[in-house]
């Protein structure tokens, strides 16, 4: 399976009316085919067992470089898997995408792939923390969206608690320093998901840092409290 062949399969499933709607909705200036995500996901699952890991990484790279919306989603879906060993090439490719993120849908699909690699090797959080200093809001936002698995721990181990506290520090920083809607939304998303498992910790965060959040973000963070 080459990137050109994979793109052709996506194009066969395109819909011009849906593509126009997606372009208007996502607003990022790239080509849209109008293929629903479930169909992209089904294709990715069909391609995955036919490829070696190196071939899969190469296909994902080629699809991403096409700069077609659905192809970039497919690239991320190809690499969204809990167990990949060795995964250094996968992680390196996903990291190379981060400075190119420019719209929420592709960013979130990339985050789903990247979050698995962070859980597999939490030492990679050191690199993720550097994204907070980026001039690109999507890169800064990625620091929280990639780390959402740390909000879902019901019985976290000491190392996981330490990592979670570290990320909450990032959330406090973004919440106070960055007024953009997408970053505030990411902070709220992180806190909202954490509140399902540790509501007291979210209340403590909001007591300390909640005044810096926009009203909509604080409301979202408190949704399940």
Protein backbone atom coordinates (compact mmCIF):
# COMPACT_ATOMS: atom_id res chain seq x y z
CA UNK A 1 0.00 0.00 0.00
CA UNK A 2 1.53 3.30 -1.12
CA UNK A 3 0.37 6.74 0.03
CA UNK A 4 -0.99 7.37 -3.48
CA UNK A 5 -3.02 4.15 -3.39
CA UNK A 6 -4.35 4.92 0.09
CA UNK A 7 -5.30 8.45 -0.94
CA UNK A 8 -7.09 7.07 -3.99
CA UNK A 9 -9.16 4.81 -1.75
CA UNK A 10 -10.11 7.80 0.37
CA UNK A 11 -10.98 9.84 -2.72
CA UNK A 12 -13.33 7.08 -3.94
CA UNK A 13 -15.35 7.56 -0.75
CA UNK A 14 -15.46 11.34 -0.99
CA UNK A 15 -18.56 13.48 -1.13
CA UNK A 16 -18.33 17.00 -2.58
CA UNK A 17 -21.15 18.43 -0.48
CA UNK A 18 -19.77 16.96 2.72
CA UNK A 19 -16.29 18.20 1.75
CA UNK A 20 -17.55 21.77 1.32
CA UNK A 21 -19.20 21.60 4.73
CA UNK A 22 -16.03 20.26 6.34
CA UNK A 23 -13.92 23.00 4.78
CA UNK A 24 -16.29 25.66 6.10
CA UNK A 25 -16.37 24.06 9.54
CA UNK A 26 -12.68 23.33 10.09
CA UNK A 27 -11.47 26.47 8.25
CA UNK A 28 -7.88 25.25 7.85
CA UNK A 29 -6.78 25.88 4.24
CA UNK A 30 -6.33 22.37 2.86
CA UNK A 31 -8.15 19.92 0.61
CA UNK A 32 -11.17 18.12 2.02
CA UNK A 33 -12.68 14.96 0.55
CA UNK A 34 -15.83 14.63 2.63
CA UNK A 35 -15.17 11.13 4.03
CA UNK A 36 -16.74 10.45 7.46
CA UNK A 37 -14.36 9.47 10.27
CA UNK A 38 -15.91 5.97 10.73
CA UNK A 39 -15.05 5.19 7.10
CA UNK A 40 -11.51 6.51 7.54
CA UNK A 41 -11.16 4.40 10.67
CA UNK A 42 -12.42 1.30 8.88
CA UNK A 43 -9.91 1.80 6.07
CA UNK A 44 -7.08 2.30 8.54
CA UNK A 45 -7.99 -0.94 10.31
CA UNK A 46 -8.08 -2.69 6.95
CA UNK A 47 -4.62 -1.45 5.97
CA UNK A 48 -2.91 -1.99 9.31
CA UNK A 49 -2.55 -5.82 9.32
CA UNK A 50 -1.31 -5.78 5.73
CA UNK A 51 1.74 -3.68 6.65
CA UNK A 52 4.90 -4.11 8.66
CA UNK A 53 5.50 -1.45 11.29
CA UNK A 54 8.05 0.31 9.06
CA UNK A 55 5.59 0.26 6.16
CA UNK A 56 2.85 1.62 8.38
CA UNK A 57 5.06 4.50 9.54
CA UNK A 58 5.99 5.24 5.92
CA UNK A 59 2.33 5.19 4.86
CA UNK A 60 1.31 7.46 7.72
CA UNK A 61 4.12 9.85 6.81
CA UNK A 62 3.07 9.97 3.18
CA UNK A 63 -0.59 10.48 3.98
CA UNK A 64 0.27 13.30 6.38
CA UNK A 65 2.48 15.01 3.82
CA UNK A 66 -0.39 15.05 1.32
CA UNK A 67 -2.02 17.73 3.51
CA UNK A 68 -5.46 16.32 2.71
CA UNK A 69 -7.71 16.51 5.77
CA UNK A 70 -8.93 12.92 5.66
CA UNK A 71 -5.45 11.62 4.81
CA UNK A 72 -4.03 13.28 7.91
CA UNK A 73 -6.79 11.74 10.01
CA UNK A 74 -5.99 8.35 8.45
CA UNK A 75 -2.29 8.84 9.21
CA UNK A 76 -3.10 9.35 12.88
CA UNK A 77 -5.52 6.42 12.98
CA UNK A 78 -2.85 4.13 11.49
CA UNK A 79 -0.62 4.85 14.49
CA UNK A 80 -3.28 4.81 17.23
CA UNK A 81 -2.48 1.61 19.07
CA UNK A 82 -1.66 0.83 22.68
CA UNK A 83 1.16 -1.68 22.09
CA UNK A 84 3.78 -0.88 19.47
CA UNK A 85 7.30 -2.17 19.99
CA UNK A 86 9.69 -0.70 19.17
CA UNK A 87 7.86 2.60 18.94
CA UNK A 88 10.63 5.19 18.61
CA UNK A 89 9.93 5.78 14.90
CA UNK A 90 6.20 6.11 15.59
CA UNK A 91 6.78 8.63 18.38
CA UNK A 92 9.26 10.60 16.26
CA UNK A 93 6.76 10.87 13.41
CA UNK A 94 3.94 11.99 15.69
CA UNK A 95 6.21 14.58 17.31
CA UNK A 96 7.11 15.90 13.83
CA UNK A 97 3.40 16.58 13.25
CA UNK A 98 2.92 18.72 16.34
CA UNK A 99 4.32 22.02 14.95
CA UNK A 100 2.05 21.55 11.91
CA UNK A 101 -1.21 21.24 13.87
CA UNK A 102 -3.62 23.99 12.89
CA UNK A 103 -7.16 22.72 13.52
CA UNK A 104 -8.82 20.83 16.36
CA UNK A 105 -9.98 17.68 14.57
CA UNK A 106 -6.62 16.65 13.15
CA UNK A 107 -4.93 17.80 16.37
CA UNK A 108 -7.17 15.55 18.44
CA UNK A 109 -6.62 12.52 16.22
CA UNK A 110 -2.86 13.08 16.44
CA UNK A 111 -3.23 13.35 20.21
CA UNK A 112 -5.01 9.99 20.40
CA UNK A 113 -2.02 8.39 18.68
CA UNK A 114 0.52 10.34 20.71
CA UNK A 115 -1.10 9.70 24.07
CA UNK A 116 -0.57 5.95 23.67
CA UNK A 117 3.13 6.54 23.15
CA UNK A 118 3.31 8.75 26.23
CA UNK A 119 1.65 6.11 28.38
CA UNK A 120 4.12 3.57 26.97
CA UNK A 121 7.05 5.81 27.96
CA UNK A 122 6.18 8.61 30.43
CA UNK A 123 9.76 9.93 30.21
CA UNK A 124 8.57 11.55 26.99
CA UNK A 125 6.68 14.06 29.12
CA UNK A 126 9.97 15.96 29.32
CA UNK A 127 9.68 16.76 25.62
CA UNK A 128 5.96 17.50 25.83
CA UNK A 129 6.60 20.09 28.52
CA UNK A 130 8.72 22.10 26.06
CA UNK A 131 5.64 22.54 23.88
CA UNK A 132 4.30 25.03 26.43
CA UNK A 133 6.91 27.53 25.23
CA UNK A 134 5.86 27.32 21.58
CA UNK A 135 4.49 30.44 19.85
CA UNK A 136 1.88 28.17 18.20
CA UNK A 137 -1.31 27.77 20.23
CA UNK A 138 -1.99 24.29 18.79
CA UNK A 139 1.41 23.11 20.02
CA UNK A 140 0.78 24.49 23.49
CA UNK A 141 -2.70 22.96 23.51
CA UNK A 142 -1.21 19.58 22.52
CA UNK A 143 0.63 19.40 25.85
CA UNK A 144 -2.73 18.92 27.59
CA UNK A 145 -4.62 16.96 24.94
CA UNK A 146 -1.80 14.43 24.55
CA UNK A 147 -1.76 13.85 28.32
CA UNK A 148 -5.47 13.19 28.87
CA UNK A 149 -4.83 9.56 29.93
CA UNK A 150 -3.53 10.91 33.25
CA UNK A 151 -7.03 12.23 33.98
CA UNK A 152 -8.55 8.75 33.81
CA UNK A 153 -6.57 6.97 36.55
CA UNK A 154 -8.87 5.63 39.26
CA UNK A 155 -6.12 4.24 41.49
CA UNK A 156 -2.95 6.04 40.38
CA UNK A 157 0.45 4.88 41.52
CA UNK A 158 2.87 7.38 43.10
CA UNK A 159 4.69 7.98 39.79
CA UNK A 160 1.38 8.54 38.05
CA UNK A 161 0.27 11.00 40.73
CA UNK A 162 3.54 12.88 40.30
CA UNK A 163 3.03 13.05 36.54
CA UNK A 164 -0.53 14.22 37.01
CA UNK A 165 0.56 16.98 39.36
CA UNK A 166 3.18 18.03 36.86
CA UNK A 167 0.56 18.31 34.12
CA UNK A 168 -1.78 20.22 36.43
CA UNK A 169 1.05 22.73 36.72
CA UNK A 170 0.96 23.07 32.94
CA UNK A 171 -2.80 23.55 33.09
CA UNK A 172 -2.40 26.33 35.66
CA UNK A 173 0.15 28.00 33.42
CA UNK A 174 -1.98 27.82 30.28
CA UNK A 175 -5.06 28.89 32.18
CA UNK A 176 -3.39 32.03 33.49
CA UNK A 177 -1.07 32.95 30.60
CA UNK A 178 -3.09 32.01 27.54
CA UNK A 179 -6.52 33.54 26.91
CA UNK A 180 -7.22 31.75 23.60
CA UNK A 181 -10.48 29.81 23.48
CA UNK A 182 -8.82 26.56 22.39
CA UNK A 183 -6.27 26.58 25.21
CA UNK A 184 -8.84 27.50 27.82
CA UNK A 185 -11.05 24.71 26.46
CA UNK A 186 -8.16 22.24 26.76
CA UNK A 187 -7.60 23.22 30.41
CA UNK A 188 -11.31 22.79 31.08
CA UNK A 189 -11.36 19.43 29.28
CA UNK A 190 -8.45 18.16 31.39
CA UNK A 191 -10.08 19.24 34.65
CA UNK A 192 -13.53 17.98 33.67
CA UNK A 193 -12.19 14.51 32.88
CA UNK A 194 -10.10 14.42 36.06
CA UNK A 195 -13.13 15.40 38.14
CA UNK A 196 -14.74 12.03 37.33
CA UNK A 197 -11.92 10.27 39.23
CA UNK A 198 -10.58 12.86 41.69
CA UNK A 199 -13.13 15.63 42.23
CA UNK A 200 -11.38 16.91 45.35
CA UNK A 201 -8.19 17.58 43.42
CA UNK A 202 -10.12 19.54 40.79
CA UNK A 203 -11.85 21.58 43.48
CA UNK A 204 -8.45 22.38 44.98
CA UNK A 205 -7.13 23.42 41.56
CA UNK A 206 -10.11 25.67 40.96
CA UNK A 207 -9.75 27.23 44.40
CA UNK A 208 -6.14 28.07 43.60
CA UNK A 209 -6.34 28.90 39.89
CA UNK A 210 -9.99 29.08 38.89
CA UNK A 211 -10.15 32.87 38.86
CA UNK A 212 -7.73 32.91 35.92
CA UNK A 213 -10.06 30.81 33.77
CA UNK A 214 -12.61 32.26 31.40
CA UNK A 215 -16.20 31.78 32.68
CA UNK A 216 -17.00 29.19 30.00
CA UNK A 217 -13.88 27.19 30.88
CA UNK A 218 -14.58 27.21 34.58
CA UNK A 219 -18.17 26.10 33.92
CA UNK A 220 -16.91 23.23 31.77
CA UNK A 221 -14.34 22.21 34.39
CA UNK A 222 -17.06 22.08 37.04
CA UNK A 223 -19.52 20.14 34.90
CA UNK A 224 -19.32 16.90 36.92
CA UNK A 225 -18.59 18.35 40.33
